[in-house]
Amino acid sequence: MFTKIYEWLRKFIKENYKELIIYLVLFIVLTYPLPYYIFVGGGTIDLEDRIVLDSNEKGSYNLAYVKQINATIPTYLLSFIFSKWDVEKVSSYTVDDSETRVDVNNRERLYLEEANSNAIINAYTLAGKDIDIKSSDYKVIYVNENSDTDIKIGDTLLSVNGVSVSNNSEYKEYLSGLNVGDKLNVKVKRNGKEVDCYAKLVKVDGEKVIGLYLVNIYDYEVDPKIELKFKSNESGPSGGFMLSLAIYDRLVSEDLTKGRKIVGTGTIDASGNVGEIGGVKYKLIGAVKEKADIFFVPKENYEEAIETKKKYKYDINVIKVSKLEDAIKYLQEND
């Protein structure tokens, strides 16, 4: 049996080796990855599918996202034909050499957790609904590659030299009173257990730091109850503002959508400030493709959005926002 198969295969290759070589070369040419990303526009995600909370909306709130593909020879060549396809070097988006892909994924999920908790806090507070913040985890979201520490992304910071720290002001105030070069004893929570770590204090741009970037992720109880259902491959902070706006509309009696399709992007902090994001050009392209009526954009990204609108002669209302209240006021005052 195996002998017959072997003989058949040997004969087939001998008779067709030229065609097989051509196919192999074509396969390599068509699939070989190049050191570029190609941005090809974006799309939208209806938040109706992410929020479990009663709604009376006739319109919809939507997140905007960027579509990115890994470049191959064919897609790289096509980028010179399609004006809305942009090419960027992979090196422009790489992380520190010390980071693994797991580190990056953990950070992006933490960004999403932070955005979600900030979105809920702002929406319930502005709507006058019950919200009780029980506690806050001060989590490590980034460790500088040049830092001297064994702290890891995802750790919850508990104390430095025995002094409890639970937010940025406490953390920075304590470090400011120490000496550069000090080796600090840092207690963190990792995988549910307290772990003793160390970190060396350095000075960067006039500030005493240990090379960590941290965020607060809150534990809270709310009434009415809410559940968020994001997919496992969804992460990052740029949907926080729109999520908060969508939740707020579900908590108040007035339907702010008024039947419109509303798309937007931007981070949100615990005080309701809307923050800058990347890829606004592609997100606007996606919003127009999905026939959105309104595109909310952070003030820092407004000029780029307007330039994109003018360049492609888009018929869409691009609205600049600095705080969550700006978007609420606009929707209340405009039909």
C-alpha atoms as a PDB file:
ATOM      1  CA  MET A   1       0.000   0.000   0.000  1.00  0.00           C
ATOM      2  CA  PHE A   2       2.643   2.548   1.084  1.00  0.00           C
ATOM      3  CA  THR A   3       4.926   1.425  -1.745  1.00  0.00           C
ATOM      4  CA  LYS A   4       2.227   2.140  -4.329  1.00  0.00           C
ATOM      5  CA  ILE A   5       1.542   5.577  -2.836  1.00  0.00           C
ATOM      6  CA  TYR A   6       5.246   6.375  -2.810  1.00  0.00           C
ATOM      7  CA  GLU A   7       5.664   5.323  -6.440  1.00  0.00           C
ATOM      8  CA  TRP A   8       2.629   7.330  -7.512  1.00  0.00           C
ATOM      9  CA  LEU A   9       3.849  10.415  -5.667  1.00  0.00           C
ATOM     10  CA  ARG A  10       7.363  10.123  -7.110  1.00  0.00           C
ATOM     11  CA  LYS A  11       5.960   9.797 -10.627  1.00  0.00           C
ATOM     12  CA  PHE A  12       3.572  12.731 -10.111  1.00  0.00           C
ATOM     13  CA  ILE A  13       6.369  15.030  -8.898  1.00  0.00           C
ATOM     14  CA  LYS A  14       8.683  13.970 -11.736  1.00  0.00           C
ATOM     15  CA  GLU A  15       6.015  14.702 -14.345  1.00  0.00           C
ATOM     16  CA  ASN A  16       4.809  17.989 -12.803  1.00  0.00           C
ATOM     17  CA  TYR A  17       7.833  19.414 -11.009  1.00  0.00           C
ATOM     18  CA  LYS A  18       7.943  22.607 -13.116  1.00  0.00           C
ATOM     19  CA  GLU A  19       4.328  23.493 -12.323  1.00  0.00           C
ATOM     20  CA  LEU A  20       4.868  22.643  -8.636  1.00  0.00           C
ATOM     21  CA  ILE A  21       7.874  24.979  -8.471  1.00  0.00           C
ATOM     22  CA  ILE A  22       5.815  27.768 -10.057  1.00  0.00           C
ATOM     23  CA  TYR A  23       2.980  27.208  -7.564  1.00  0.00           C
ATOM     24  CA  LEU A  24       5.441  27.220  -4.666  1.00  0.00           C
ATOM     25  CA  VAL A  25       7.080  30.448  -5.826  1.00  0.00           C
ATOM     26  CA  LEU A  26       3.657  32.074  -6.304  1.00  0.00           C
ATOM     27  CA  PHE A  27       2.543  30.974  -2.853  1.00  0.00           C
ATOM     28  CA  ILE A  28       5.659  32.481  -1.258  1.00  0.00           C
ATOM     29  CA  VAL A  29       5.338  35.724  -3.236  1.00  0.00           C
ATOM     30  CA  LEU A  30       1.650  36.109  -2.395  1.00  0.00           C
ATOM     31  CA  THR A  31       1.906  35.308   1.314  1.00  0.00           C
ATOM     32  CA  TYR A  32       5.393  36.388   2.420  1.00  0.00           C
ATOM     33  CA  PRO A  33       4.919  38.978   5.203  1.00  0.00           C
ATOM     34  CA  LEU A  34       6.480  42.408   4.744  1.00  0.00           C
ATOM     35  CA  PRO A  35       7.518  44.660   7.668  1.00  0.00           C
ATOM     36  CA  TYR A  36       4.491  46.929   7.203  1.00  0.00           C
ATOM     37  CA  TYR A  37       0.944  47.364   8.404  1.00  0.00           C
ATOM     38  CA  ILE A  38      -1.720  48.544   5.972  1.00  0.00           C
ATOM     39  CA  PHE A  39      -4.630  50.575   7.319  1.00  0.00           C
ATOM     40  CA  VAL A  40      -7.664  50.145   5.087  1.00  0.00           C
ATOM     41  CA  GLY A  41     -10.362  52.156   6.827  1.00  0.00           C
ATOM     42  CA  GLY A  42     -12.542  51.109   9.713  1.00  0.00           C
ATOM     43  CA  GLY A  43     -15.958  50.015  10.862  1.00  0.00           C
ATOM     44  CA  THR A  44     -18.455  50.319  13.697  1.00  0.00           C
ATOM     45  CA  ILE A  45     -19.743  48.151  16.542  1.00  0.00           C
ATOM     46  CA  ASP A  46     -23.305  48.662  17.780  1.00  0.00           C
ATOM     47  CA  LEU A  47     -23.207  49.002  21.568  1.00  0.00           C
ATOM     48  CA  GLU A  48     -26.652  47.405  21.702  1.00  0.00           C
ATOM     49  CA  ASP A  49     -24.736  44.125  21.583  1.00  0.00           C
ATOM     50  CA  ARG A  50     -22.405  45.051  24.449  1.00  0.00           C
ATOM     51  CA  ILE A  51     -24.720  46.570  27.097  1.00  0.00           C
ATOM     52  CA  VAL A  52     -27.298  44.573  29.038  1.00  0.00           C
ATOM     53  CA  LEU A  53     -29.609  47.318  30.346  1.00  0.00           C
ATOM     54  CA  ASP A  54     -33.141  48.323  29.329  1.00  0.00           C
ATOM     55  CA  SER A  55     -33.275  50.819  26.471  1.00  0.00           C
ATOM     56  CA  ASN A  56     -35.869  52.999  24.723  1.00  0.00           C
ATOM     57  CA  GLU A  57     -33.535  54.240  21.977  1.00  0.00           C
ATOM     58  CA  LYS A  58     -34.811  54.519  18.406  1.00  0.00           C
ATOM     59  CA  GLY A  59     -31.326  55.209  17.100  1.00  0.00           C
ATOM     60  CA  SER A  60     -28.006  53.641  18.024  1.00  0.00           C
ATOM     61  CA  TYR A  61     -24.626  54.286  19.635  1.00  0.00           C
ATOM     62  CA  ASN A  62     -21.621  52.762  17.952  1.00  0.00           C
ATOM     63  CA  LEU A  63     -17.930  52.318  18.630  1.00  0.00           C
ATOM     64  CA  ALA A  64     -15.518  53.132  15.811  1.00  0.00           C
ATOM     65  CA  TYR A  65     -12.540  50.914  15.075  1.00  0.00           C
ATOM     66  CA  VAL A  66      -9.603  50.717  12.672  1.00  0.00           C
ATOM     67  CA  LYS A  67      -9.047  47.886  10.189  1.00  0.00           C
ATOM     68  CA  GLN A  68      -5.415  46.852   9.914  1.00  0.00           C
ATOM     69  CA  ILE A  69      -3.847  44.066   7.860  1.00  0.00           C
ATOM     70  CA  ASN A  70      -0.338  42.658   7.749  1.00  0.00           C
ATOM     71  CA  ALA A  71       1.273  43.595   4.462  1.00  0.00           C
ATOM     72  CA  THR A  72       2.161  41.075   1.770  1.00  0.00           C
ATOM     73  CA  ILE A  73       3.536  41.890  -1.686  1.00  0.00           C
ATOM     74  CA  PRO A  74       0.065  42.053  -3.338  1.00  0.00           C
ATOM     75  CA  THR A  75      -1.512  44.198  -0.582  1.00  0.00           C
ATOM     76  CA  TYR A  76       1.554  46.443  -0.460  1.00  0.00           C
ATOM     77  CA  LEU A  77       1.285  47.085  -4.219  1.00  0.00           C
ATOM     78  CA  LEU A  78      -2.485  47.666  -3.944  1.00  0.00           C
ATOM     79  CA  SER A  79      -1.825  50.381  -1.337  1.00  0.00           C
ATOM     80  CA  PHE A  80      -0.379  52.526  -4.141  1.00  0.00           C
ATOM     81  CA  ILE A  81      -3.643  52.200  -6.074  1.00  0.00           C
ATOM     82  CA  PHE A  82      -6.237  52.728  -3.329  1.00  0.00           C
ATOM     83  CA  SER A  83      -5.939  56.257  -1.953  1.00  0.00           C
ATOM     84  CA  LYS A  84      -7.514  55.357   1.400  1.00  0.00           C
ATOM     85  CA  TRP A  85      -5.009  52.584   2.104  1.00  0.00           C
ATOM     86  CA  ASP A  86      -2.052  53.783   4.180  1.00  0.00           C
ATOM     87  CA  VAL A  87       1.206  51.954   4.855  1.00  0.00           C
ATOM     88  CA  GLU A  88       3.128  52.182   8.142  1.00  0.00           C
ATOM     89  CA  LYS A  89       6.293  50.416   9.246  1.00  0.00           C
ATOM     90  CA  VAL A  90       5.783  47.699  11.849  1.00  0.00           C
ATOM     91  CA  SER A  91       8.699  49.197  13.783  1.00  0.00           C
ATOM     92  CA  SER A  92       6.555  52.270  14.461  1.00  0.00           C
ATOM     93  CA  TYR A  93       4.176  50.124  16.529  1.00  0.00           C
ATOM     94  CA  THR A  94       6.483  47.642  18.201  1.00  0.00           C
ATOM     95  CA  VAL A  95       6.648  47.484  21.970  1.00  0.00           C
ATOM     96  CA  ASP A  96       9.733  47.309  24.183  1.00  0.00           C
ATOM     97  CA  ASP A  97      11.972  44.364  23.439  1.00  0.00           C
ATOM     98  CA  SER A  98      11.475  43.230  27.028  1.00  0.00           C
ATOM     99  CA  GLU A  99       7.713  42.835  26.527  1.00  0.00           C
ATOM    100  CA  THR A 100       5.990  39.713  25.300  1.00  0.00           C
ATOM    101  CA  ARG A 101       2.776  39.511  23.300  1.00  0.00           C
ATOM    102  CA  VAL A 102       1.099  38.305  26.523  1.00  0.00           C
ATOM    103  CA  ASP A 103       2.217  41.545  28.238  1.00  0.00           C
ATOM    104  CA  VAL A 104       0.700  43.616  25.443  1.00  0.00           C
ATOM    105  CA  ASN A 105      -2.585  41.684  25.504  1.00  0.00           C
ATOM    106  CA  ASN A 106      -2.803  41.980  29.297  1.00  0.00           C
ATOM    107  CA  ARG A 107      -2.261  45.723  29.088  1.00  0.00           C
ATOM    108  CA  GLU A 108      -4.945  46.179  26.435  1.00  0.00           C
ATOM    109  CA  ARG A 109      -7.461  44.184  28.492  1.00  0.00           C
ATOM    110  CA  LEU A 110      -6.629  46.312  31.542  1.00  0.00           C
ATOM    111  CA  TYR A 111      -7.220  49.426  29.438  1.00  0.00           C
ATOM    112  CA  LEU A 112     -10.650  48.038  28.558  1.00  0.00           C
ATOM    113  CA  GLU A 113     -11.440  47.296  32.220  1.00  0.00           C
ATOM    114  CA  GLU A 114     -10.432  50.831  33.183  1.00  0.00           C
ATOM    115  CA  ALA A 115     -12.499  52.341  30.361  1.00  0.00           C
ATOM    116  CA  ASN A 116     -15.548  50.282  31.302  1.00  0.00           C
ATOM    117  CA  SER A 117     -15.431  51.195  34.984  1.00  0.00           C
ATOM    118  CA  ASN A 118     -14.896  54.893  34.192  1.00  0.00           C
ATOM    119  CA  ALA A 119     -17.750  54.791  31.681  1.00  0.00           C
ATOM    120  CA  ILE A 120     -20.178  53.340  34.220  1.00  0.00           C
ATOM    121  CA  ILE A 121     -19.110  55.723  36.999  1.00  0.00           C
ATOM    122  CA  ASN A 122     -19.632  58.785  34.794  1.00  0.00           C
ATOM    123  CA  ALA A 123     -22.922  57.639  33.293  1.00  0.00           C
ATOM    124  CA  TYR A 124     -24.549  56.724  36.620  1.00  0.00           C
ATOM    125  CA  THR A 125     -23.270  59.863  38.343  1.00  0.00           C
ATOM    126  CA  LEU A 126     -24.553  62.222  35.621  1.00  0.00           C
ATOM    127  CA  ALA A 127     -27.884  60.386  35.423  1.00  0.00           C
ATOM    128  CA  GLY A 128     -28.340  60.662  39.200  1.00  0.00           C
ATOM    129  CA  LYS A 129     -28.509  56.916  39.680  1.00  0.00           C
ATOM    130  CA  ASP A 130     -27.195  54.936  42.646  1.00  0.00           C
ATOM    131  CA  ILE A 131     -23.532  54.005  42.474  1.00  0.00           C
ATOM    132  CA  ASP A 132     -21.434  52.839  45.411  1.00  0.00           C
ATOM    133  CA  ILE A 133     -17.683  52.573  44.771  1.00  0.00           C
ATOM    134  CA  LYS A 134     -16.488  49.805  47.100  1.00  0.00           C
ATOM    135  CA  SER A 135     -12.770  49.796  46.329  1.00  0.00           C
ATOM    136  CA  SER A 136     -10.149  50.490  43.708  1.00  0.00           C
ATOM    137  CA  ASP A 137      -7.346  48.311  42.385  1.00  0.00           C
ATOM    138  CA  TYR A 138      -4.224  50.316  41.458  1.00  0.00           C
ATOM    139  CA  LYS A 139      -2.905  48.126  38.647  1.00  0.00           C
ATOM    140  CA  VAL A 140       0.392  48.131  36.774  1.00  0.00           C
ATOM    141  CA  ILE A 141      -0.314  48.570  33.085  1.00  0.00           C
ATOM    142  CA  TYR A 142       3.202  49.215  31.784  1.00  0.00           C
ATOM    143  CA  VAL A 143       6.753  48.591  32.993  1.00  0.00           C
ATOM    144  CA  ASN A 144       9.469  50.633  31.286  1.00  0.00           C
ATOM    145  CA  GLU A 145      12.143  48.473  29.661  1.00  0.00           C
ATOM    146  CA  ASN A 146      14.856  50.525  31.397  1.00  0.00           C
ATOM    147  CA  SER A 147      13.365  50.207  34.877  1.00  0.00           C
ATOM    148  CA  ASP A 148      15.098  48.112  37.539  1.00  0.00           C
ATOM    149  CA  THR A 149      12.272  46.094  39.076  1.00  0.00           C
ATOM    150  CA  ASP A 150      10.671  42.648  39.158  1.00  0.00           C
ATOM    151  CA  ILE A 151       7.124  44.067  39.117  1.00  0.00           C
ATOM    152  CA  LYS A 152       4.943  42.743  36.264  1.00  0.00           C
ATOM    153  CA  ILE A 153       2.095  44.037  34.131  1.00  0.00           C
ATOM    154  CA  GLY A 154      -1.193  43.140  35.810  1.00  0.00           C
ATOM    155  CA  ASP A 155       0.167  43.393  39.366  1.00  0.00           C
ATOM    156  CA  THR A 156      -1.920  45.402  41.834  1.00  0.00           C
ATOM    157  CA  LEU A 157       0.247  47.876  43.758  1.00  0.00           C
ATOM    158  CA  LEU A 158      -0.408  47.685  47.498  1.00  0.00           C
ATOM    159  CA  SER A 159       2.434  49.521  49.260  1.00  0.00           C
ATOM    160  CA  VAL A 160       5.881  51.041  48.861  1.00  0.00           C
ATOM    161  CA  ASN A 161       8.242  50.617  51.830  1.00  0.00           C
ATOM    162  CA  GLY A 162       5.220  49.674  53.916  1.00  0.00           C
ATOM    163  CA  VAL A 163       3.241  52.814  52.981  1.00  0.00           C
ATOM    164  CA  SER A 164      -0.125  52.063  51.349  1.00  0.00           C
ATOM    165  CA  VAL A 165      -0.742  53.607  47.927  1.00  0.00           C
ATOM    166  CA  SER A 166      -4.017  53.334  46.010  1.00  0.00           C
ATOM    167  CA  ASN A 167      -3.938  56.128  43.432  1.00  0.00           C
ATOM    168  CA  ASN A 168      -1.634  58.381  41.412  1.00  0.00           C
ATOM    169  CA  SER A 169      -1.540  61.282  43.862  1.00  0.00           C
ATOM    170  CA  GLU A 170      -0.565  59.071  46.825  1.00  0.00           C
ATOM    171  CA  TYR A 171       1.984  57.206  44.709  1.00  0.00           C
ATOM    172  CA  LYS A 172       3.713  60.304  43.284  1.00  0.00           C
ATOM    173  CA  GLU A 173       3.634  62.170  46.596  1.00  0.00           C
ATOM    174  CA  TYR A 174       5.390  59.341  48.412  1.00  0.00           C
ATOM    175  CA  LEU A 175       8.052  58.841  45.732  1.00  0.00           C
ATOM    176  CA  SER A 176       8.823  62.582  45.679  1.00  0.00           C
ATOM    177  CA  GLY A 177      10.115  62.400  49.259  1.00  0.00           C
ATOM    178  CA  LEU A 178      12.608  59.588  48.578  1.00  0.00           C
ATOM    179  CA  ASN A 179      16.161  59.669  47.236  1.00  0.00           C
ATOM    180  CA  VAL A 180      17.152  58.822  43.673  1.00  0.00           C
ATOM    181  CA  GLY A 181      18.921  55.468  43.652  1.00  0.00           C
ATOM    182  CA  ASP A 182      16.967  54.056  46.606  1.00  0.00           C
ATOM    183  CA  LYS A 183      15.965  50.416  46.284  1.00  0.00           C
ATOM    184  CA  LEU A 184      12.332  50.255  47.346  1.00  0.00           C
ATOM    185  CA  ASN A 185      10.394  47.377  48.869  1.00  0.00           C
ATOM    186  CA  VAL A 186       7.146  47.096  46.923  1.00  0.00           C
ATOM    187  CA  LYS A 187       4.269  44.828  47.870  1.00  0.00           C
ATOM    188  CA  VAL A 188       1.906  43.783  45.087  1.00  0.00           C
ATOM    189  CA  LYS A 189      -0.968  41.376  44.601  1.00  0.00           C
ATOM    190  CA  ARG A 190      -0.338  38.860  41.819  1.00  0.00           C
ATOM    191  CA  ASN A 191      -2.749  36.053  40.908  1.00  0.00           C
ATOM    192  CA  GLY A 192      -4.606  36.585  44.175  1.00  0.00           C
ATOM    193  CA  LYS A 193      -1.490  36.425  46.390  1.00  0.00           C
ATOM    194  CA  GLU A 194       0.632  39.138  48.007  1.00  0.00           C
ATOM    195  CA  VAL A 195       4.163  39.200  46.590  1.00  0.00           C
ATOM    196  CA  ASP A 196       7.217  41.165  47.760  1.00  0.00           C
ATOM    197  CA  CYS A 197       9.031  42.934  44.909  1.00  0.00           C
ATOM    198  CA  TYR A 198      11.693  45.596  44.542  1.00  0.00           C
ATOM    199  CA  ALA A 199      12.128  48.724  42.408  1.00  0.00           C
ATOM    200  CA  LYS A 200      14.957  51.230  42.043  1.00  0.00           C
ATOM    201  CA  LEU A 201      14.054  54.935  42.133  1.00  0.00           C
ATOM    202  CA  VAL A 202      15.286  57.026  39.191  1.00  0.00           C
ATOM    203  CA  LYS A 203      14.708  60.571  37.947  1.00  0.00           C
ATOM    204  CA  VAL A 204      13.111  61.157  34.536  1.00  0.00           C
ATOM    205  CA  ASP A 205      12.268  64.654  33.241  1.00  0.00           C
ATOM    206  CA  GLY A 206      12.661  66.041  36.746  1.00  0.00           C
ATOM    207  CA  GLU A 207      10.267  63.520  38.308  1.00  0.00           C
ATOM    208  CA  LYS A 208      11.155  60.642  40.614  1.00  0.00           C
ATOM    209  CA  VAL A 209       9.798  57.389  39.207  1.00  0.00           C
ATOM    210  CA  ILE A 210      10.302  53.641  39.251  1.00  0.00           C
ATOM    211  CA  GLY A 211       9.264  53.117  35.635  1.00  0.00           C
ATOM    212  CA  LEU A 212       5.651  52.050  36.124  1.00  0.00           C
ATOM    213  CA  TYR A 213       2.429  53.263  34.562  1.00  0.00           C
ATOM    214  CA  LEU A 214      -0.620  52.484  36.686  1.00  0.00           C
ATOM    215  CA  VAL A 215      -4.395  52.831  36.408  1.00  0.00           C
ATOM    216  CA  ASN A 216      -7.281  52.608  38.849  1.00  0.00           C
ATOM    217  CA  ILE A 217      -9.904  49.956  38.180  1.00  0.00           C
ATOM    218  CA  TYR A 218     -12.913  50.339  40.468  1.00  0.00           C
ATOM    219  CA  ASP A 219     -15.151  47.814  42.172  1.00  0.00           C
ATOM    220  CA  TYR A 220     -18.681  49.204  42.501  1.00  0.00           C
ATOM    221  CA  GLU A 221     -22.357  48.421  42.949  1.00  0.00           C
ATOM    222  CA  VAL A 222     -24.989  50.180  40.852  1.00  0.00           C
ATOM    223  CA  ASP A 223     -28.753  50.387  40.654  1.00  0.00           C
ATOM    224  CA  PRO A 224     -30.182  49.573  38.137  1.00  0.00           C
ATOM    225  CA  LYS A 225     -27.905  46.625  37.480  1.00  0.00           C
ATOM    226  CA  ILE A 226     -25.811  46.581  34.328  1.00  0.00           C
ATOM    227  CA  GLU A 227     -23.760  43.958  32.515  1.00  0.00           C
ATOM    228  CA  LEU A 228     -21.192  44.522  29.777  1.00  0.00           C
ATOM    229  CA  LYS A 229     -20.473  41.821  27.198  1.00  0.00           C
ATOM    230  CA  PHE A 230     -17.250  42.488  25.318  1.00  0.00           C
ATOM    231  CA  LYS A 231     -15.640  39.768  23.234  1.00  0.00           C
ATOM    232  CA  SER A 232     -12.341  38.195  24.271  1.00  0.00           C
ATOM    233  CA  ASN A 233     -10.534  39.795  21.322  1.00  0.00           C
ATOM    234  CA  GLU A 234     -11.821  43.290  22.124  1.00  0.00           C
ATOM    235  CA  SER A 235      -9.582  45.518  24.210  1.00  0.00           C
ATOM    236  CA  GLY A 236      -8.134  49.002  24.575  1.00  0.00           C
ATOM    237  CA  PRO A 237      -9.412  52.294  26.019  1.00  0.00           C
ATOM    238  CA  SER A 238     -10.732  54.164  22.960  1.00  0.00           C
ATOM    239  CA  GLY A 239     -14.364  53.101  23.351  1.00  0.00           C
ATOM    240  CA  GLY A 240     -14.807  54.432  26.889  1.00  0.00           C
ATOM    241  CA  PHE A 241     -16.442  57.725  25.973  1.00  0.00           C
ATOM    242  CA  MET A 242     -19.059  56.246  23.648  1.00  0.00           C
ATOM    243  CA  LEU A 243     -19.819  53.465  26.113  1.00  0.00           C
ATOM    244  CA  SER A 244     -20.481  56.032  28.834  1.00  0.00           C
ATOM    245  CA  LEU A 245     -22.733  58.054  26.528  1.00  0.00           C
ATOM    246  CA  ALA A 246     -24.733  54.964  25.565  1.00  0.00           C
ATOM    247  CA  ILE A 247     -25.167  53.894  29.194  1.00  0.00           C
ATOM    248  CA  TYR A 248     -26.253  57.402  30.214  1.00  0.00           C
ATOM    249  CA  ASP A 249     -28.973  57.435  27.544  1.00  0.00           C
ATOM    250  CA  ARG A 250     -30.352  54.153  28.882  1.00  0.00           C
ATOM    251  CA  LEU A 251     -30.523  55.563  32.409  1.00  0.00           C
ATOM    252  CA  VAL A 252     -32.545  58.694  31.551  1.00  0.00           C
ATOM    253  CA  SER A 253     -36.104  58.928  30.236  1.00  0.00           C
ATOM    254  CA  GLU A 254     -35.259  61.039  27.169  1.00  0.00           C
ATOM    255  CA  ASP A 255     -34.075  59.269  24.002  1.00  0.00           C
ATOM    256  CA  LEU A 256     -31.053  61.339  23.011  1.00  0.00           C
ATOM    257  CA  THR A 257     -30.462  59.409  19.783  1.00  0.00           C
ATOM    258  CA  LYS A 258     -33.724  60.692  18.252  1.00  0.00           C
ATOM    259  CA  GLY A 259     -33.443  57.937  15.661  1.00  0.00           C
ATOM    260  CA  ARG A 260     -29.890  58.843  14.617  1.00  0.00           C
ATOM    261  CA  LYS A 261     -26.914  56.564  14.123  1.00  0.00           C
ATOM    262  CA  ILE A 262     -24.221  57.990  16.392  1.00  0.00           C
ATOM    263  CA  VAL A 263     -20.595  56.928  16.096  1.00  0.00           C
ATOM    264  CA  GLY A 264     -17.663  58.210  18.117  1.00  0.00           C
ATOM    265  CA  THR A 265     -14.334  57.521  19.715  1.00  0.00           C
ATOM    266  CA  GLY A 266     -12.272  58.690  22.681  1.00  0.00           C
ATOM    267  CA  THR A 267     -11.041  57.582  26.065  1.00  0.00           C
ATOM    268  CA  ILE A 268     -12.724  58.674  29.273  1.00  0.00           C
ATOM    269  CA  ASP A 269     -11.307  59.198  32.748  1.00  0.00           C
ATOM    270  CA  ALA A 270     -13.057  59.027  36.110  1.00  0.00           C
ATOM    271  CA  SER A 271     -13.917  62.753  35.887  1.00  0.00           C
ATOM    272  CA  GLY A 272     -15.610  62.491  32.499  1.00  0.00           C
ATOM    273  CA  ASN A 273     -12.794  64.014  30.431  1.00  0.00           C
ATOM    274  CA  VAL A 274     -12.649  62.690  26.865  1.00  0.00           C
ATOM    275  CA  GLY A 275      -9.108  61.848  25.765  1.00  0.00           C
ATOM    276  CA  GLU A 276      -7.155  61.634  22.521  1.00  0.00           C
ATOM    277  CA  ILE A 277      -7.032  58.450  20.441  1.00  0.00           C
ATOM    278  CA  GLY A 278      -5.210  57.179  17.374  1.00  0.00           C
ATOM    279  CA  GLY A 279      -6.477  56.332  13.902  1.00  0.00           C
ATOM    280  CA  VAL A 280      -9.267  58.920  13.789  1.00  0.00           C
ATOM    281  CA  LYS A 281      -9.021  59.200   9.990  1.00  0.00           C
ATOM    282  CA  TYR A 282      -9.803  55.508   9.540  1.00  0.00           C
ATOM    283  CA  LYS A 283     -12.528  55.576  12.156  1.00  0.00           C
ATOM    284  CA  LEU A 284     -14.257  58.453  10.368  1.00  0.00           C
ATOM    285  CA  ILE A 285     -13.995  56.578   7.062  1.00  0.00           C
ATOM    286  CA  GLY A 286     -15.652  53.596   8.721  1.00  0.00           C
ATOM    287  CA  ALA A 287     -18.395  55.756  10.258  1.00  0.00           C
ATOM    288  CA  VAL A 288     -19.271  57.244   6.859  1.00  0.00           C
ATOM    289  CA  LYS A 289     -19.224  53.813   5.225  1.00  0.00           C
ATOM    290  CA  GLU A 290     -21.714  52.643   7.871  1.00  0.00           C
ATOM    291  CA  LYS A 291     -23.938  55.685   7.155  1.00  0.00           C
ATOM    292  CA  ALA A 292     -23.548  57.402  10.519  1.00  0.00           C
ATOM    293  CA  ASP A 293     -25.275  60.744  11.144  1.00  0.00           C
ATOM    294  CA  ILE A 294     -22.904  62.025  13.833  1.00  0.00           C
ATOM    295  CA  PHE A 295     -19.240  61.408  14.569  1.00  0.00           C
ATOM    296  CA  PHE A 296     -18.035  62.489  18.026  1.00  0.00           C
ATOM    297  CA  VAL A 297     -14.291  63.061  18.284  1.00  0.00           C
ATOM    298  CA  PRO A 298     -11.933  64.255  21.078  1.00  0.00           C
ATOM    299  CA  LYS A 299     -10.810  67.879  20.735  1.00  0.00           C
ATOM    300  CA  GLU A 300      -7.194  66.754  20.167  1.00  0.00           C
ATOM    301  CA  ASN A 301      -8.267  64.762  17.083  1.00  0.00           C
ATOM    302  CA  TYR A 302     -10.776  67.263  15.721  1.00  0.00           C
ATOM    303  CA  GLU A 303      -8.553  68.926  13.102  1.00  0.00           C
ATOM    304  CA  GLU A 304      -7.531  65.585  11.594  1.00  0.00           C
ATOM    305  CA  ALA A 305     -11.177  64.524  11.433  1.00  0.00           C
ATOM    306  CA  ILE A 306     -12.208  67.782   9.734  1.00  0.00           C
ATOM    307  CA  GLU A 307      -9.366  67.511   7.217  1.00  0.00           C
ATOM    308  CA  THR A 308     -10.481  63.963   6.379  1.00  0.00           C
ATOM    309  CA  LYS A 309     -14.094  65.097   6.013  1.00  0.00           C
ATOM    310  CA  LYS A 310     -13.098  67.896   3.624  1.00  0.00           C
ATOM    311  CA  LYS A 311     -10.689  65.730   1.623  1.00  0.00           C
ATOM    312  CA  TYR A 312     -13.313  63.100   0.830  1.00  0.00           C
ATOM    313  CA  LYS A 313     -16.294  65.522   0.861  1.00  0.00           C
ATOM    314  CA  TYR A 314     -18.121  63.526   3.527  1.00  0.00           C
ATOM    315  CA  ASP A 315     -21.669  64.466   4.523  1.00  0.00           C
ATOM    316  CA  ILE A 316     -21.500  63.833   8.271  1.00  0.00           C
ATOM    317  CA  ASN A 317     -21.634  65.995  11.384  1.00  0.00           C
ATOM    318  CA  VAL A 318     -18.205  65.894  13.066  1.00  0.00           C
ATOM    319  CA  ILE A 319     -18.580  67.132  16.637  1.00  0.00           C
ATOM    320  CA  LYS A 320     -15.699  68.018  18.974  1.00  0.00           C
ATOM    321  CA  VAL A 321     -16.012  66.978  22.635  1.00  0.00           C
ATOM    322  CA  SER A 322     -13.864  67.590  25.713  1.00  0.00           C
ATOM    323  CA  LYS A 323     -16.159  66.043  28.304  1.00  0.00           C
ATOM    324  CA  LEU A 324     -19.042  63.580  28.334  1.00  0.00           C
ATOM    325  CA  GLU A 325     -21.426  66.470  29.076  1.00  0.00           C
ATOM    326  CA  ASP A 326     -20.518  68.111  25.733  1.00  0.00           C
ATOM    327  CA  ALA A 327     -21.958  65.174  23.799  1.00  0.00           C
ATOM    328  CA  ILE A 328     -25.070  65.001  25.978  1.00  0.00           C
ATOM    329  CA  LYS A 329     -25.730  68.720  25.496  1.00  0.00           C
ATOM    330  CA  TYR A 330     -25.269  68.478  21.731  1.00  0.00           C
ATOM    331  CA  LEU A 331     -27.715  65.587  21.403  1.00  0.00           C
ATOM    332  CA  GLN A 332     -30.271  67.352  23.596  1.00  0.00           C
ATOM    333  CA  GLU A 333     -30.114  70.584  21.594  1.00  0.00           C
ATOM    334  CA  ASN A 334     -29.865  69.225  18.046  1.00  0.00           C
ATOM    335  CA  ASP A 335     -32.290  67.057  16.071  1.00  0.00           C
END
